[in-house]
C-alpha atoms as a PDB file:
ATOM      1  CA  MET A   1      -0.004  -0.179   0.364  1.00  0.00           C
ATOM      2  CA  ASP A   2       1.409   3.592  -0.947  1.00  0.00           C
ATOM      3  CA  ALA A   3       1.712   6.014   1.264  1.00  0.00           C
ATOM      4  CA  LEU A   4      -1.205   8.254  -0.041  1.00  0.00           C
ATOM      5  CA  ALA A   5      -3.253   5.353  -0.118  1.00  0.00           C
ATOM      6  CA  HIS A   6      -2.650   4.387   3.541  1.00  0.00           C
ATOM      7  CA  LEU A   7      -3.058   8.383   4.952  1.00  0.00           C
ATOM      8  CA  VAL A   8      -6.641   8.099   3.215  1.00  0.00           C
ATOM      9  CA  LEU A   9      -7.350   4.903   4.910  1.00  0.00           C
ATOM     10  CA  CYS A  10      -5.964   6.452   8.138  1.00  0.00           C
ATOM     11  CA  LEU A  11      -8.351   9.484   7.890  1.00  0.00           C
ATOM     12  CA  ALA A  12     -11.003   7.369   7.366  1.00  0.00           C
ATOM     13  CA  LEU A  13     -11.204   4.806   9.795  1.00  0.00           C
ATOM     14  CA  THR A  14     -10.634   7.825  12.383  1.00  0.00           C
ATOM     15  CA  GLN A  15     -13.992   9.997  11.807  1.00  0.00           C
ATOM     16  CA  PRO A  16     -16.131   8.836  14.037  1.00  0.00           C
ATOM     17  CA  VAL A  17     -19.652   8.518  13.137  1.00  0.00           C
ATOM     18  CA  GLY A  18     -22.402  11.756  14.523  1.00  0.00           C
ATOM     19  CA  VAL A  19     -19.344  13.964  14.906  1.00  0.00           C
ATOM     20  CA  GLU A  20     -19.709  16.132  11.540  1.00  0.00           C
ATOM     21  CA  ASN A  21     -21.511  19.298  13.097  1.00  0.00           C
ATOM     22  CA  TRP A  22     -19.840  18.915  15.977  1.00  0.00           C
ATOM     23  CA  VAL A  23     -19.579  22.561  17.839  1.00  0.00           C
ATOM     24  CA  TRP A  24     -16.593  23.991  18.647  1.00  0.00           C
ATOM     25  CA  GLU A  25     -15.314  27.278  20.237  1.00  0.00           C
ATOM     26  CA  THR A  26     -13.058  29.170  18.346  1.00  0.00           C
ATOM     27  CA  ASP A  27     -13.201  32.048  21.282  1.00  0.00           C
ATOM     28  CA  TYR A  28     -11.038  31.823  24.472  1.00  0.00           C
ATOM     29  CA  GLN A  29     -13.947  34.710  25.946  1.00  0.00           C
ATOM     30  CA  THR A  30     -16.915  32.873  24.420  1.00  0.00           C
ATOM     31  CA  ALA A  31     -15.834  29.758  25.401  1.00  0.00           C
ATOM     32  CA  TYR A  32     -14.866  31.073  29.520  1.00  0.00           C
ATOM     33  CA  LYS A  33     -18.239  32.901  29.277  1.00  0.00           C
ATOM     34  CA  ARG A  34     -20.196  29.326  28.529  1.00  0.00           C
ATOM     35  CA  ALA A  35     -18.488  27.532  31.336  1.00  0.00           C
ATOM     36  CA  GLU A  36     -18.137  30.577  34.009  1.00  0.00           C
ATOM     37  CA  PRO A  37     -21.800  29.831  35.346  1.00  0.00           C
ATOM     38  CA  THR A  38     -21.586  26.590  36.095  1.00  0.00           C
ATOM     39  CA  LYS A  39     -17.830  26.288  36.553  1.00  0.00           C
ATOM     40  CA  LYS A  40     -17.577  23.933  33.909  1.00  0.00           C
ATOM     41  CA  THR A  41     -14.685  21.697  32.684  1.00  0.00           C
ATOM     42  CA  ILE A  42     -12.593  23.710  29.059  1.00  0.00           C
ATOM     43  CA  VAL A  43     -10.984  21.525  27.488  1.00  0.00           C
ATOM     44  CA  VAL A  44      -9.081  23.064  24.566  1.00  0.00           C
ATOM     45  CA  LEU A  45      -7.321  21.345  21.517  1.00  0.00           C
ATOM     46  CA  ILE A  46      -5.029  23.238  19.809  1.00  0.00           C
ATOM     47  CA  GLY A  47      -3.802  22.740  16.322  1.00  0.00           C
ATOM     48  CA  ALA A  48      -2.638  24.306  13.237  1.00  0.00           C
ATOM     49  CA  LYS A  49      -4.015  24.420   9.658  1.00  0.00           C
ATOM     50  CA  TRP A  50       0.015  22.849   8.146  1.00  0.00           C
ATOM     51  CA  CYS A  51      -0.301  19.659  10.979  1.00  0.00           C
ATOM     52  CA  HIS A  52      -1.395  16.776   9.323  1.00  0.00           C
ATOM     53  CA  ALA A  53      -2.612  14.916  12.631  1.00  0.00           C
ATOM     54  CA  CYS A  54      -4.921  17.939  13.874  1.00  0.00           C
ATOM     55  CA  PRO A  55      -8.007  17.190  11.758  1.00  0.00           C
ATOM     56  CA  ALA A  56      -8.473  13.832  12.625  1.00  0.00           C
ATOM     57  CA  MET A  57      -7.626  14.498  16.632  1.00  0.00           C
ATOM     58  CA  LYS A  58      -9.921  17.451  16.690  1.00  0.00           C
ATOM     59  CA  ARG A  59     -12.738  14.484  15.140  1.00  0.00           C
ATOM     60  CA  ALA A  60     -11.574  11.925  17.588  1.00  0.00           C
ATOM     61  CA  ALA A  61     -11.689  14.537  20.687  1.00  0.00           C
ATOM     62  CA  ALA A  62     -15.296  15.230  19.252  1.00  0.00           C
ATOM     63  CA  ALA A  63     -16.582  11.730  19.230  1.00  0.00           C
ATOM     64  CA  VAL A  64     -15.199  11.721  23.274  1.00  0.00           C
ATOM     65  CA  LEU A  65     -16.785  15.081  24.512  1.00  0.00           C
ATOM     66  CA  ASN A  66     -19.987  14.384  22.253  1.00  0.00           C
ATOM     67  CA  LYS A  67     -20.541  12.276  25.645  1.00  0.00           C
ATOM     68  CA  HIS A  68     -19.711  15.138  28.381  1.00  0.00           C
ATOM     69  CA  PRO A  69     -22.334  17.814  27.806  1.00  0.00           C
ATOM     70  CA  GLU A  70     -20.494  19.374  30.576  1.00  0.00           C
ATOM     71  CA  VAL A  71     -17.401  20.031  29.008  1.00  0.00           C
ATOM     72  CA  VAL A  72     -16.929  23.652  26.675  1.00  0.00           C
ATOM     73  CA  PRO A  73     -14.768  22.222  24.015  1.00  0.00           C
ATOM     74  CA  LEU A  74     -12.614  25.129  22.639  1.00  0.00           C
ATOM     75  CA  TYR A  75     -10.132  24.955  19.578  1.00  0.00           C
ATOM     76  CA  LEU A  76      -7.318  27.054  19.157  1.00  0.00           C
ATOM     77  CA  ASP A  77      -5.316  27.691  15.735  1.00  0.00           C
ATOM     78  CA  TYR A  78      -1.719  28.260  16.701  1.00  0.00           C
ATOM     79  CA  ASP A  79      -0.209  30.599  14.438  1.00  0.00           C
ATOM     80  CA  ALA A  80      -3.857  32.419  14.742  1.00  0.00           C
ATOM     81  CA  ASN A  81      -3.740  32.750  18.621  1.00  0.00           C
ATOM     82  CA  GLU A  82       0.245  32.572  19.219  1.00  0.00           C
ATOM     83  CA  GLN A  83      -0.051  34.958  21.834  1.00  0.00           C
ATOM     84  CA  LEU A  84      -2.476  33.335  23.571  1.00  0.00           C
ATOM     85  CA  CYS A  85      -0.779  29.686  23.192  1.00  0.00           C
ATOM     86  CA  ARG A  86       2.230  31.372  25.039  1.00  0.00           C
ATOM     87  CA  THR A  87       0.466  32.483  27.441  1.00  0.00           C
ATOM     88  CA  ILE A  88      -1.249  29.066  28.234  1.00  0.00           C
ATOM     89  CA  LYS A  89       1.910  27.070  27.644  1.00  0.00           C
ATOM     90  CA  VAL A  90       1.375  25.586  24.720  1.00  0.00           C
ATOM     91  CA  SER A  91       4.783  23.617  23.528  1.00  0.00           C
ATOM     92  CA  THR A  92       5.580  23.828  20.553  1.00  0.00           C
ATOM     93  CA  VAL A  93       3.891  20.313  19.427  1.00  0.00           C
ATOM     94  CA  VAL A  94       0.627  20.428  17.557  1.00  0.00           C
ATOM     95  CA  PRO A  95      -2.012  18.998  18.234  1.00  0.00           C
ATOM     96  CA  GLU A  96      -2.217  19.231  22.222  1.00  0.00           C
ATOM     97  CA  LEU A  97      -5.079  18.987  24.338  1.00  0.00           C
ATOM     98  CA  ILE A  98      -5.463  21.015  27.307  1.00  0.00           C
ATOM     99  CA  VAL A  99      -8.190  19.862  29.924  1.00  0.00           C
ATOM    100  CA  TYR A 100      -8.995  22.838  32.250  1.00  0.00           C
ATOM    101  CA  ASP A 101     -10.387  21.855  35.936  1.00  0.00           C
ATOM    102  CA  TRP A 102     -12.527  25.063  35.696  1.00  0.00           C
ATOM    103  CA  VAL A 103      -9.735  27.350  34.709  1.00  0.00           C
ATOM    104  CA  HIS A 104      -6.405  25.791  36.230  1.00  0.00           C
ATOM    105  CA  PRO A 105      -4.873  23.446  33.669  1.00  0.00           C
ATOM    106  CA  ALA A 106      -4.981  19.594  35.304  1.00  0.00           C
ATOM    107  CA  GLU A 107      -3.786  17.395  32.521  1.00  0.00           C
ATOM    108  CA  ARG A 108      -2.325  17.776  29.148  1.00  0.00           C
ATOM    109  CA  LEU A 109      -1.844  15.222  26.204  1.00  0.00           C
ATOM    110  CA  ILE A 110       0.832  16.280  23.676  1.00  0.00           C
ATOM    111  CA  GLY A 111       1.403  15.093  20.505  1.00  0.00           C
ATOM    112  CA  GLN A 112      -1.218  12.570  18.611  1.00  0.00           C
ATOM    113  CA  PHE A 113      -3.352  11.019  21.583  1.00  0.00           C
ATOM    114  CA  LYS A 114      -5.978   7.901  21.611  1.00  0.00           C
ATOM    115  CA  THR A 115      -9.485   8.590  22.330  1.00  0.00           C
ATOM    116  CA  GLU A 116      -9.078   6.197  25.381  1.00  0.00           C
ATOM    117  CA  GLN A 117      -6.720   8.778  26.857  1.00  0.00           C
ATOM    118  CA  LEU A 118      -9.248  11.736  27.193  1.00  0.00           C
ATOM    119  CA  ALA A 119     -12.045   9.659  28.253  1.00  0.00           C
ATOM    120  CA  LYS A 120     -10.327   8.462  30.856  1.00  0.00           C
ATOM    121  CA  LEU A 121      -9.229  12.272  31.938  1.00  0.00           C
ATOM    122  CA  LEU A 122     -12.891  13.182  31.535  1.00  0.00           C
ATOM    123  CA  GLU A 123     -13.539  10.467  34.040  1.00  0.00           C
ATOM    124  CA  LYS A 124     -11.324  11.746  36.687  1.00  0.00           C
ATOM    125  CA  LYS A 125     -13.668  14.850  36.406  1.00  0.00           C
ATOM    126  CA  PRO A 126     -16.012  15.657  39.208  1.00  0.00           C
END
């Protein structure tokens, strides 16, 4: 199997069912305002347009987050939000996922991650 066929197959297999219309917040202030009244957990996924793994990680995260309405999902493009990413101490490796226990970073997954890893992080939340 050539590299392109392998990539297409991998992307097809990572497309979770039912997340095509998943809505991520893309603005920190909007996500914060959604989370603030009930101190919801905020899950931040940082990606970039040039990152080949980021779309698959975004879909995989959406499949898990879709089962957690108590979480506010936020997607940040690293290049478009570089100053904010530096402020929250994002590594230079994308994708990076940060689970905030209200406003304090509790857990990080750097690079490609498995949906099981994210699910376990969210199971720890009250």
